[in-house]
């Protein structure tokens, strides 16, 4: 029996998790977050399931509207 190595999170998953973390800390609703990212709330739920399709433009919009440095999303 072979053991599988644990999956490592992708960069997209780390970034999306940090966006959601900042959203929680700043008490931003999903409605407001979707306005910040210029998308619908359904897209947010899709990113929750699979953040690999998140676009650079979306990340840039979040950083601009949340007034944070893009590097802070990578930590």
Protein backbone atom coordinates (compact mmCIF):
# COMPACT_ATOMS: atom_id res chain seq x y z
CA UNK A 1 0.00 0.00 0.00
CA UNK A 2 1.46 3.33 -1.03
CA UNK A 3 0.83 6.50 0.87
CA UNK A 4 -0.03 9.67 -0.94
CA UNK A 5 1.72 12.85 0.04
CA UNK A 6 -0.65 15.46 1.46
CA UNK A 7 -1.84 18.00 -1.07
CA UNK A 8 -0.19 21.37 -0.91
CA UNK A 9 -2.40 24.40 -1.35
CA UNK A 10 -2.02 26.25 -4.63
CA UNK A 11 -1.06 29.91 -4.76
CA UNK A 12 -4.60 30.72 -5.89
CA UNK A 13 -6.04 28.91 -2.86
CA UNK A 14 -3.72 30.78 -0.48
CA UNK A 15 -4.63 34.13 -2.04
CA UNK A 16 -8.38 33.41 -2.00
CA UNK A 17 -8.20 32.21 1.61
CA UNK A 18 -6.47 35.43 2.58
CA UNK A 19 -9.07 37.51 0.74
CA UNK A 20 -11.80 35.71 2.68
CA UNK A 21 -9.83 36.17 5.93
CA UNK A 22 -9.51 39.92 5.36
CA UNK A 23 -13.20 40.04 4.46
CA UNK A 24 -14.03 38.40 7.80
CA UNK A 25 -11.68 40.61 9.83
CA UNK A 26 -13.02 43.82 8.26
CA UNK A 27 -16.63 42.59 8.45
CA UNK A 28 -17.23 42.96 4.71
CA UNK A 29 -20.42 41.32 3.45
CA UNK A 30 -20.43 39.06 0.40
CA UNK A 31 -22.48 41.70 -1.38
CA UNK A 32 -19.85 44.37 -0.70
CA UNK A 33 -17.03 42.01 -1.62
CA UNK A 34 -18.69 41.21 -4.94
CA UNK A 35 -18.97 44.95 -5.62
CA UNK A 36 -15.29 45.39 -4.77
CA UNK A 37 -14.32 42.58 -7.15
CA UNK A 38 -16.82 43.61 -9.83
CA UNK A 39 -18.45 40.18 -9.95
CA UNK A 40 -21.60 38.49 -8.63
CA UNK A 41 -21.97 36.64 -5.39
CA UNK A 42 -22.25 33.39 -7.31
CA UNK A 43 -18.70 33.94 -8.56
CA UNK A 44 -17.53 34.25 -4.95
CA UNK A 45 -19.04 30.84 -4.19
CA UNK A 46 -17.35 29.43 -7.29
CA UNK A 47 -14.02 30.77 -6.02
CA UNK A 48 -14.72 29.08 -2.68
CA UNK A 49 -15.04 25.75 -4.49
CA UNK A 50 -12.18 26.26 -6.92
CA UNK A 51 -10.05 29.39 -6.59
CA UNK A 52 -7.74 28.26 -9.40
CA UNK A 53 -9.76 30.29 -11.90
CA UNK A 54 -9.31 33.59 -10.04
CA UNK A 55 -7.93 36.29 -12.32
CA UNK A 56 -5.13 38.72 -11.63
CA UNK A 57 -7.54 41.59 -12.27
CA UNK A 58 -9.73 40.34 -9.42
CA UNK A 59 -6.78 40.26 -7.04
CA UNK A 60 -5.71 43.74 -8.12
CA UNK A 61 -9.23 45.09 -7.58
CA UNK A 62 -9.33 43.65 -4.09
CA UNK A 63 -5.95 45.13 -3.18
CA UNK A 64 -6.94 48.52 -4.57
CA UNK A 65 -10.35 48.65 -2.87
CA UNK A 66 -9.18 47.15 0.42
CA UNK A 67 -6.11 49.40 0.42
CA UNK A 68 -3.68 46.57 1.06
CA UNK A 69 -0.39 45.48 -0.45
CA UNK A 70 -0.61 42.51 -2.84
CA UNK A 71 2.27 40.80 -1.04
CA UNK A 72 0.23 40.59 2.14
CA UNK A 73 -2.14 38.18 0.35
CA UNK A 74 0.69 35.72 -0.13
CA UNK A 75 1.50 35.26 3.55
